[in-house]
Amino acid sequence: MNQILLSVIAEGGPGNTGPDFGKASPVGLLVIVLLVIATLFLVRSMNQQLKKVPKSFDRDHPELDQAADEGTDRDGPARPPGPPHESG
């Protein structure tokens, strides 16, 4: 087994050394650059969104979001709980 493995390693591979071996197309470079630019814009946008998030979510001062809580869903759910109504 070792003799076979050593002979395969010693032979070398098929030798991918043709005239176009290892050359990347400019389109590939363009795709990589565009992906890097898009990633940078996404990171920048996420940082801006994270700056809007409060430092902590403790309930020491609930009046900041109390108005939003009071203005939502005063009448309860629109449909009674239970299985959905099937039209037929």
PDB file of N, CA and C in Angstrom:
ATOM      1  N   MET A   1       0.828  -1.191   0.000  1.00  0.00           N
ATOM      2  CA  MET A   1       0.000   0.000   0.000  1.00  0.00           C
ATOM      3  C   MET A   1       0.873   1.255   0.000  1.00  0.00           C
ATOM      4  N   ASN A   2       1.916   1.243   0.843  1.00  0.00           N
ATOM      5  CA  ASN A   2       2.790   2.406   0.909  1.00  0.00           C
ATOM      6  C   ASN A   2       3.571   2.591  -0.389  1.00  0.00           C
ATOM      7  N   GLN A   3       3.935   1.487  -1.021  1.00  0.00           N
ATOM      8  CA  GLN A   3       4.680   1.579  -2.281  1.00  0.00           C
ATOM      9  C   GLN A   3       3.839   2.238  -3.365  1.00  0.00           C
ATOM     10  N   ILE A   4       2.555   1.881  -3.411  1.00  0.00           N
ATOM     11  CA  ILE A   4       1.664   2.465  -4.418  1.00  0.00           C
ATOM     12  C   ILE A   4       1.480   3.952  -4.153  1.00  0.00           C
ATOM     13  N   LEU A   5       1.284   4.290  -2.889  1.00  0.00           N
ATOM     14  CA  LEU A   5       1.092   5.693  -2.524  1.00  0.00           C
ATOM     15  C   LEU A   5       2.338   6.512  -2.852  1.00  0.00           C
ATOM     16  N   LEU A   6       3.497   5.986  -2.535  1.00  0.00           N
ATOM     17  CA  LEU A   6       4.729   6.713  -2.820  1.00  0.00           C
ATOM     18  C   LEU A   6       4.970   6.868  -4.321  1.00  0.00           C
ATOM     19  N   SER A   7       4.618   5.844  -5.094  1.00  0.00           N
ATOM     20  CA  SER A   7       4.827   5.960  -6.541  1.00  0.00           C
ATOM     21  C   SER A   7       3.876   6.980  -7.159  1.00  0.00           C
ATOM     22  N   VAL A   8       2.645   7.070  -6.642  1.00  0.00           N
ATOM     23  CA  VAL A   8       1.692   8.062  -7.160  1.00  0.00           C
ATOM     24  C   VAL A   8       2.153   9.468  -6.809  1.00  0.00           C
ATOM     25  N   ILE A   9       2.650   9.640  -5.596  1.00  0.00           N
ATOM     26  CA  ILE A   9       3.131  10.962  -5.184  1.00  0.00           C
ATOM     27  C   ILE A   9       4.378  11.343  -5.971  1.00  0.00           C
ATOM     28  N   ALA A  10       5.264  10.379  -6.218  1.00  0.00           N
ATOM     29  CA  ALA A  10       6.509  10.658  -6.931  1.00  0.00           C
ATOM     30  C   ALA A  10       6.268  10.992  -8.398  1.00  0.00           C
ATOM     31  N   GLU A  11       5.227  10.417  -8.985  1.00  0.00           N
ATOM     32  CA  GLU A  11       4.930  10.701 -10.394  1.00  0.00           C
ATOM     33  C   GLU A  11       4.546  12.154 -10.612  1.00  0.00           C
ATOM     34  N   GLY A  12       3.906  12.721  -9.658  1.00  0.00           N
ATOM     35  CA  GLY A  12       3.375  14.064  -9.850  1.00  0.00           C
ATOM     36  C   GLY A  12       1.973  13.964 -10.425  1.00  0.00           C
ATOM     37  N   GLY A  13       1.321  15.057 -10.559  1.00  0.00           N
ATOM     38  CA  GLY A  13      -0.038  15.060 -11.082  1.00  0.00           C
ATOM     39  C   GLY A  13      -0.049  15.176 -12.579  1.00  0.00           C
ATOM     40  N   PRO A  14      -1.191  15.417 -13.124  1.00  0.00           N
ATOM     41  CA  PRO A  14      -1.280  15.576 -14.566  1.00  0.00           C
ATOM     42  C   PRO A  14      -0.551  16.822 -15.055  1.00  0.00           C
ATOM     43  N   GLY A  15      -0.145  17.675 -14.136  1.00  0.00           N
ATOM     44  CA  GLY A  15       0.637  18.848 -14.522  1.00  0.00           C
ATOM     45  C   GLY A  15      -0.184  19.902 -15.231  1.00  0.00           C
ATOM     46  N   ASN A  16      -1.154  20.440 -14.535  1.00  0.00           N
ATOM     47  CA  ASN A  16      -1.994  21.489 -15.113  1.00  0.00           C
ATOM     48  C   ASN A  16      -1.153  22.741 -15.353  1.00  0.00           C
ATOM     49  N   THR A  17      -0.378  22.707 -16.401  1.00  0.00           N
ATOM     50  CA  THR A  17       0.494  23.840 -16.703  1.00  0.00           C
ATOM     51  C   THR A  17       0.271  24.340 -18.115  1.00  0.00           C
ATOM     52  N   GLY A  18      -0.976  24.277 -18.564  1.00  0.00           N
ATOM     53  CA  GLY A  18      -1.285  24.771 -19.897  1.00  0.00           C
ATOM     54  C   GLY A  18      -1.149  26.277 -19.965  1.00  0.00           C
ATOM     55  N   PRO A  19      -1.344  26.873 -21.132  1.00  0.00           N
ATOM     56  CA  PRO A  19      -1.162  28.316 -21.279  1.00  0.00           C
ATOM     57  C   PRO A  19      -2.171  29.138 -20.485  1.00  0.00           C
ATOM     58  N   ASP A  20      -3.355  28.568 -20.174  1.00  0.00           N
ATOM     59  CA  ASP A  20      -4.369  29.328 -19.440  1.00  0.00           C
ATOM     60  C   ASP A  20      -4.490  28.898 -17.984  1.00  0.00           C
ATOM     61  N   PHE A  21      -3.600  28.037 -17.516  1.00  0.00           N
ATOM     62  CA  PHE A  21      -3.693  27.560 -16.139  1.00  0.00           C
ATOM     63  C   PHE A  21      -3.334  28.681 -15.168  1.00  0.00           C
ATOM     64  N   GLY A  22      -4.205  28.930 -14.202  1.00  0.00           N
ATOM     65  CA  GLY A  22      -3.940  29.918 -13.171  1.00  0.00           C
ATOM     66  C   GLY A  22      -4.336  31.330 -13.525  1.00  0.00           C
ATOM     67  N   LYS A  23      -4.899  31.544 -14.696  1.00  0.00           N
ATOM     68  CA  LYS A  23      -5.301  32.897 -15.076  1.00  0.00           C
ATOM     69  C   LYS A  23      -6.775  33.090 -14.737  1.00  0.00           C
ATOM     70  N   ALA A  24      -7.055  34.118 -14.001  1.00  0.00           N
ATOM     71  CA  ALA A  24      -8.441  34.441 -13.672  1.00  0.00           C
ATOM     72  C   ALA A  24      -8.920  35.520 -14.631  1.00  0.00           C
ATOM     73  N   SER A  25     -10.186  35.466 -14.933  1.00  0.00           N
ATOM     74  CA  SER A  25     -10.713  36.456 -15.869  1.00  0.00           C
ATOM     75  C   SER A  25     -10.970  37.770 -15.149  1.00  0.00           C
ATOM     76  N   PRO A  26     -10.973  38.877 -15.862  1.00  0.00           N
ATOM     77  CA  PRO A  26     -11.291  40.168 -15.252  1.00  0.00           C
ATOM     78  C   PRO A  26     -12.719  40.218 -14.717  1.00  0.00           C
ATOM     79  N   VAL A  27     -13.598  39.406 -15.273  1.00  0.00           N
ATOM     80  CA  VAL A  27     -14.976  39.379 -14.774  1.00  0.00           C
ATOM     81  C   VAL A  27     -15.002  38.833 -13.352  1.00  0.00           C
ATOM     82  N   GLY A  28     -14.183  37.841 -13.067  1.00  0.00           N
ATOM     83  CA  GLY A  28     -14.097  37.304 -11.714  1.00  0.00           C
ATOM     84  C   GLY A  28     -13.613  38.346 -10.724  1.00  0.00           C
ATOM     85  N   LEU A  29     -12.621  39.116 -11.122  1.00  0.00           N
ATOM     86  CA  LEU A  29     -12.128  40.193 -10.268  1.00  0.00           C
ATOM     87  C   LEU A  29     -13.213  41.231 -10.033  1.00  0.00           C
ATOM     88  N   LEU A  30     -13.954  41.567 -11.073  1.00  0.00           N
ATOM     89  CA  LEU A  30     -15.042  42.536 -10.947  1.00  0.00           C
ATOM     90  C   LEU A  30     -16.106  42.034  -9.975  1.00  0.00           C
ATOM     91  N   VAL A  31     -16.442  40.760 -10.058  1.00  0.00           N
ATOM     92  CA  VAL A  31     -17.440  40.191  -9.149  1.00  0.00           C
ATOM     93  C   VAL A  31     -16.954  40.261  -7.708  1.00  0.00           C
ATOM     94  N   ILE A  32     -15.709  39.928  -7.470  1.00  0.00           N
ATOM     95  CA  ILE A  32     -15.150  39.979  -6.115  1.00  0.00           C
ATOM     96  C   ILE A  32     -15.158  41.408  -5.584  1.00  0.00           C
ATOM     97  N   VAL A  33     -14.759  42.365  -6.399  1.00  0.00           N
ATOM     98  CA  VAL A  33     -14.732  43.768  -5.970  1.00  0.00           C
ATOM     99  C   VAL A  33     -16.141  44.252  -5.657  1.00  0.00           C
ATOM    100  N   LEU A  34     -17.111  43.897  -6.495  1.00  0.00           N
ATOM    101  CA  LEU A  34     -18.495  44.307  -6.239  1.00  0.00           C
ATOM    102  C   LEU A  34     -19.041  43.677  -4.960  1.00  0.00           C
ATOM    103  N   LEU A  35     -18.692  42.435  -4.700  1.00  0.00           N
ATOM    104  CA  LEU A  35     -19.127  41.798  -3.458  1.00  0.00           C
ATOM    105  C   LEU A  35     -18.513  42.471  -2.232  1.00  0.00           C
ATOM    106  N   VAL A  36     -17.259  42.867  -2.327  1.00  0.00           N
ATOM    107  CA  VAL A  36     -16.613  43.566  -1.212  1.00  0.00           C
ATOM    108  C   VAL A  36     -17.275  44.916  -0.981  1.00  0.00           C
ATOM    109  N   ILE A  37     -17.573  45.645  -2.047  1.00  0.00           N
ATOM    110  CA  ILE A  37     -18.232  46.950  -1.918  1.00  0.00           C
ATOM    111  C   ILE A  37     -19.620  46.786  -1.309  1.00  0.00           C
ATOM    112  N   ALA A  38     -20.378  45.798  -1.766  1.00  0.00           N
ATOM    113  CA  ALA A  38     -21.715  45.559  -1.216  1.00  0.00           C
ATOM    114  C   ALA A  38     -21.636  45.194   0.262  1.00  0.00           C
ATOM    115  N   THR A  39     -20.643  44.407   0.640  1.00  0.00           N
ATOM    116  CA  THR A  39     -20.476  44.040   2.044  1.00  0.00           C
ATOM    117  C   THR A  39     -20.154  45.255   2.891  1.00  0.00           C
ATOM    118  N   LEU A  40     -19.316  46.137   2.388  1.00  0.00           N
ATOM    119  CA  LEU A  40     -18.986  47.352   3.139  1.00  0.00           C
ATOM    120  C   LEU A  40     -20.218  48.229   3.335  1.00  0.00           C
ATOM    121  N   PHE A  41     -21.051  48.361   2.299  1.00  0.00           N
ATOM    122  CA  PHE A  41     -22.279  49.142   2.445  1.00  0.00           C
ATOM    123  C   PHE A  41     -23.230  48.498   3.454  1.00  0.00           C
ATOM    124  N   LEU A  42     -23.322  47.182   3.451  1.00  0.00           N
ATOM    125  CA  LEU A  42     -24.187  46.503   4.412  1.00  0.00           C
ATOM    126  C   LEU A  42     -23.685  46.678   5.843  1.00  0.00           C
ATOM    127  N   VAL A  43     -22.383  46.621   6.038  1.00  0.00           N
ATOM    128  CA  VAL A  43     -21.821  46.822   7.376  1.00  0.00           C
ATOM    129  C   VAL A  43     -22.084  48.242   7.843  1.00  0.00           C
ATOM    130  N   ARG A  44     -21.908  49.207   6.960  1.00  0.00           N
ATOM    131  CA  ARG A  44     -22.163  50.604   7.315  1.00  0.00           C
ATOM    132  C   ARG A  44     -23.627  50.822   7.679  1.00  0.00           C
ATOM    133  N   SER A  45     -24.524  50.234   6.905  1.00  0.00           N
ATOM    134  CA  SER A  45     -25.947  50.366   7.187  1.00  0.00           C
ATOM    135  C   SER A  45     -26.309  49.711   8.515  1.00  0.00           C
ATOM    136  N   MET A  46     -25.742  48.556   8.789  1.00  0.00           N
ATOM    137  CA  MET A  46     -26.030  47.878  10.050  1.00  0.00           C
ATOM    138  C   MET A  46     -25.513  48.682  11.231  1.00  0.00           C
ATOM    139  N   ASN A  47     -24.365  49.313  11.092  1.00  0.00           N
ATOM    140  CA  ASN A  47     -23.850  50.153  12.170  1.00  0.00           C
ATOM    141  C   ASN A  47     -24.773  51.329  12.427  1.00  0.00           C
ATOM    142  N   GLN A  48     -25.321  51.927  11.384  1.00  0.00           N
ATOM    143  CA  GLN A  48     -26.264  53.028  11.562  1.00  0.00           C
ATOM    144  C   GLN A  48     -27.528  52.553  12.263  1.00  0.00           C
ATOM    145  N   GLN A  49     -28.008  51.367  11.922  1.00  0.00           N
ATOM    146  CA  GLN A  49     -29.212  50.841  12.562  1.00  0.00           C
ATOM    147  C   GLN A  49     -28.945  50.497  14.028  1.00  0.00           C
ATOM    148  N   LEU A  50     -27.767  49.978  14.317  1.00  0.00           N
ATOM    149  CA  LEU A  50     -27.454  49.616  15.695  1.00  0.00           C
ATOM    150  C   LEU A  50     -27.277  50.840  16.585  1.00  0.00           C
ATOM    151  N   LYS A  51     -26.924  51.974  16.010  1.00  0.00           N
ATOM    152  CA  LYS A  51     -26.815  53.197  16.804  1.00  0.00           C
ATOM    153  C   LYS A  51     -28.182  53.667  17.278  1.00  0.00           C
ATOM    154  N   LYS A  52     -29.247  53.266  16.593  1.00  0.00           N
ATOM    155  CA  LYS A  52     -30.606  53.654  16.969  1.00  0.00           C
ATOM    156  C   LYS A  52     -31.161  52.797  18.106  1.00  0.00           C
ATOM    157  N   VAL A  53     -30.557  51.657  18.357  1.00  0.00           N
ATOM    158  CA  VAL A  53     -31.031  50.750  19.392  1.00  0.00           C
ATOM    159  C   VAL A  53     -30.624  51.305  20.747  1.00  0.00           C
ATOM    160  N   PRO A  54     -31.524  51.258  21.741  1.00  0.00           N
ATOM    161  CA  PRO A  54     -31.153  51.772  23.062  1.00  0.00           C
ATOM    162  C   PRO A  54     -30.037  50.940  23.694  1.00  0.00           C
ATOM    163  N   LYS A  55     -29.318  51.559  24.617  1.00  0.00           N
ATOM    164  CA  LYS A  55     -28.200  50.881  25.273  1.00  0.00           C
ATOM    165  C   LYS A  55     -28.671  49.668  26.064  1.00  0.00           C
ATOM    166  N   SER A  56     -29.821  49.802  26.727  1.00  0.00           N
ATOM    167  CA  SER A  56     -30.362  48.671  27.486  1.00  0.00           C
ATOM    168  C   SER A  56     -31.878  48.663  27.330  1.00  0.00           C
ATOM    169  N   PHE A  57     -32.466  47.541  27.619  1.00  0.00           N
ATOM    170  CA  PHE A  57     -33.904  47.390  27.480  1.00  0.00           C
ATOM    171  C   PHE A  57     -34.568  47.236  28.845  1.00  0.00           C
ATOM    172  N   ASP A  58     -34.010  47.893  29.848  1.00  0.00           N
ATOM    173  CA  ASP A  58     -34.593  47.785  31.173  1.00  0.00           C
ATOM    174  C   ASP A  58     -35.877  48.594  31.262  1.00  0.00           C
ATOM    175  N   ARG A  59     -36.645  48.326  32.284  1.00  0.00           N
ATOM    176  CA  ARG A  59     -37.946  48.979  32.451  1.00  0.00           C
ATOM    177  C   ARG A  59     -37.891  50.089  33.503  1.00  0.00           C
ATOM    178  N   ASP A  60     -36.762  50.757  33.658  1.00  0.00           N
ATOM    179  CA  ASP A  60     -36.675  51.860  34.607  1.00  0.00           C
ATOM    180  C   ASP A  60     -37.503  53.050  34.157  1.00  0.00           C
ATOM    181  N   HIS A  61     -37.536  53.305  32.863  1.00  0.00           N
ATOM    182  CA  HIS A  61     -38.301  54.424  32.315  1.00  0.00           C
ATOM    183  C   HIS A  61     -39.236  53.903  31.224  1.00  0.00           C
ATOM    184  N   PRO A  62     -40.364  53.326  31.594  1.00  0.00           N
ATOM    185  CA  PRO A  62     -41.244  52.744  30.575  1.00  0.00           C
ATOM    186  C   PRO A  62     -42.060  53.777  29.810  1.00  0.00           C
ATOM    187  N   GLU A  63     -42.013  55.034  30.225  1.00  0.00           N
ATOM    188  CA  GLU A  63     -42.845  56.042  29.549  1.00  0.00           C
ATOM    189  C   GLU A  63     -42.401  56.315  28.120  1.00  0.00           C
ATOM    190  N   LEU A  64     -41.183  55.958  27.771  1.00  0.00           N
ATOM    191  CA  LEU A  64     -40.717  56.206  26.413  1.00  0.00           C
ATOM    192  C   LEU A  64     -41.502  55.405  25.390  1.00  0.00           C
ATOM    193  N   ASP A  65     -41.826  54.167  25.699  1.00  0.00           N
ATOM    194  CA  ASP A  65     -42.587  53.369  24.743  1.00  0.00           C
ATOM    195  C   ASP A  65     -44.001  53.080  25.233  1.00  0.00           C
ATOM    196  N   GLN A  66     -44.432  53.758  26.279  1.00  0.00           N
ATOM    197  CA  GLN A  66     -45.773  53.540  26.808  1.00  0.00           C
ATOM    198  C   GLN A  66     -46.842  54.016  25.834  1.00  0.00           C
ATOM    199  N   ALA A  67     -46.597  55.108  25.128  1.00  0.00           N
ATOM    200  CA  ALA A  67     -47.586  55.620  24.180  1.00  0.00           C
ATOM    201  C   ALA A  67     -47.816  54.630  23.051  1.00  0.00           C
ATOM    202  N   ALA A  68     -46.785  54.011  22.592  1.00  0.00           N
ATOM    203  CA  ALA A  68     -46.939  53.019  21.529  1.00  0.00           C
ATOM    204  C   ALA A  68     -47.675  51.792  22.052  1.00  0.00           C
ATOM    205  N   ASP A  69     -47.418  51.416  23.299  1.00  0.00           N
ATOM    206  CA  ASP A  69     -48.109  50.263  23.866  1.00  0.00           C
ATOM    207  C   ASP A  69     -49.586  50.547  24.087  1.00  0.00           C
ATOM    208  N   GLU A  70     -49.916  51.763  24.511  1.00  0.00           N
ATOM    209  CA  GLU A  70     -51.314  52.096  24.762  1.00  0.00           C
ATOM    210  C   GLU A  70     -52.102  52.266  23.476  1.00  0.00           C
ATOM    211  N   GLY A  71     -51.452  52.651  22.397  1.00  0.00           N
ATOM    212  CA  GLY A  71     -52.162  52.909  21.154  1.00  0.00           C
ATOM    213  C   GLY A  71     -52.375  51.688  20.298  1.00  0.00           C
ATOM    214  N   THR A  72     -51.926  50.547  20.739  1.00  0.00           N
ATOM    215  CA  THR A  72     -52.053  49.358  19.902  1.00  0.00           C
ATOM    216  C   THR A  72     -53.048  48.388  20.492  1.00  0.00           C
ATOM    217  N   ASP A  73     -53.903  47.892  19.664  1.00  0.00           N
ATOM    218  CA  ASP A  73     -54.774  46.766  19.975  1.00  0.00           C
ATOM    219  C   ASP A  73     -55.641  46.999  21.209  1.00  0.00           C
ATOM    220  N   ARG A  74     -56.420  48.072  21.212  1.00  0.00           N
ATOM    221  CA  ARG A  74     -57.300  48.353  22.348  1.00  0.00           C
ATOM    222  C   ARG A  74     -58.494  47.408  22.399  1.00  0.00           C
ATOM    223  N   ASP A  75     -58.965  46.963  21.232  1.00  0.00           N
ATOM    224  CA  ASP A  75     -60.181  46.167  21.182  1.00  0.00           C
ATOM    225  C   ASP A  75     -59.919  44.672  21.237  1.00  0.00           C
ATOM    226  N   GLY A  76     -58.719  44.257  21.283  1.00  0.00           N
ATOM    227  CA  GLY A  76     -58.416  42.837  21.300  1.00  0.00           C
ATOM    228  C   GLY A  76     -58.235  42.307  19.895  1.00  0.00           C
ATOM    229  N   PRO A  77     -58.163  41.009  19.759  1.00  0.00           N
ATOM    230  CA  PRO A  77     -57.944  40.435  18.431  1.00  0.00           C
ATOM    231  C   PRO A  77     -59.156  40.626  17.531  1.00  0.00           C
ATOM    232  N   ALA A  78     -58.914  40.691  16.239  1.00  0.00           N
ATOM    233  CA  ALA A  78     -59.994  40.896  15.277  1.00  0.00           C
ATOM    234  C   ALA A  78     -60.856  39.650  15.155  1.00  0.00           C
ATOM    235  N   ARG A  79     -60.282  38.478  15.298  1.00  0.00           N
ATOM    236  CA  ARG A  79     -61.019  37.219  15.214  1.00  0.00           C
ATOM    237  C   ARG A  79     -60.957  36.506  16.556  1.00  0.00           C
ATOM    238  N   PRO A  80     -61.995  35.783  16.899  1.00  0.00           N
ATOM    239  CA  PRO A  80     -61.918  35.014  18.146  1.00  0.00           C
ATOM    240  C   PRO A  80     -60.928  33.867  17.991  1.00  0.00           C
ATOM    241  N   PRO A  81     -60.317  33.454  19.079  1.00  0.00           N
ATOM    242  CA  PRO A  81     -59.366  32.351  18.974  1.00  0.00           C
ATOM    243  C   PRO A  81     -60.076  31.060  18.589  1.00  0.00           C
ATOM    244  N   GLY A  82     -59.380  30.223  17.905  1.00  0.00           N
ATOM    245  CA  GLY A  82     -59.948  28.953  17.485  1.00  0.00           C
ATOM    246  C   GLY A  82     -59.451  28.586  16.116  1.00  0.00           C
ATOM    247  N   PRO A  83     -60.008  27.526  15.564  1.00  0.00           N
ATOM    248  CA  PRO A  83     -59.551  27.125  14.226  1.00  0.00           C
ATOM    249  C   PRO A  83     -59.973  28.138  13.179  1.00  0.00           C
ATOM    250  N   PRO A  84     -59.192  28.289  12.132  1.00  0.00           N
ATOM    251  CA  PRO A  84     -59.548  29.263  11.091  1.00  0.00           C
ATOM    252  C   PRO A  84     -60.818  28.843  10.363  1.00  0.00           C
ATOM    253  N   HIS A  85     -61.558  29.841   9.923  1.00  0.00           N
ATOM    254  CA  HIS A  85     -62.808  29.596   9.204  1.00  0.00           C
ATOM    255  C   HIS A  85     -62.495  29.167   7.783  1.00  0.00           C
ATOM    256  N   GLU A  86     -63.050  28.039   7.380  1.00  0.00           N
ATOM    257  CA  GLU A  86     -62.810  27.536   6.030  1.00  0.00           C
ATOM    258  C   GLU A  86     -63.952  27.952   5.126  1.00  0.00           C
ATOM    259  N   SER A  87     -63.610  28.584   4.000  1.00  0.00           N
ATOM    260  CA  SER A  87     -64.648  28.944   3.037  1.00  0.00           C
ATOM    261  C   SER A  87     -64.866  27.760   2.116  1.00  0.00           C
ATOM    262  N   GLY A  88     -66.097  27.548   1.731  1.00  0.00           N
ATOM    263  CA  GLY A  88     -66.234  26.381   0.917  1.00  0.00           C
ATOM    264  C   GLY A  88     -67.448  26.316   0.144  1.00  0.00           C
TER     265      GLY A  88
END
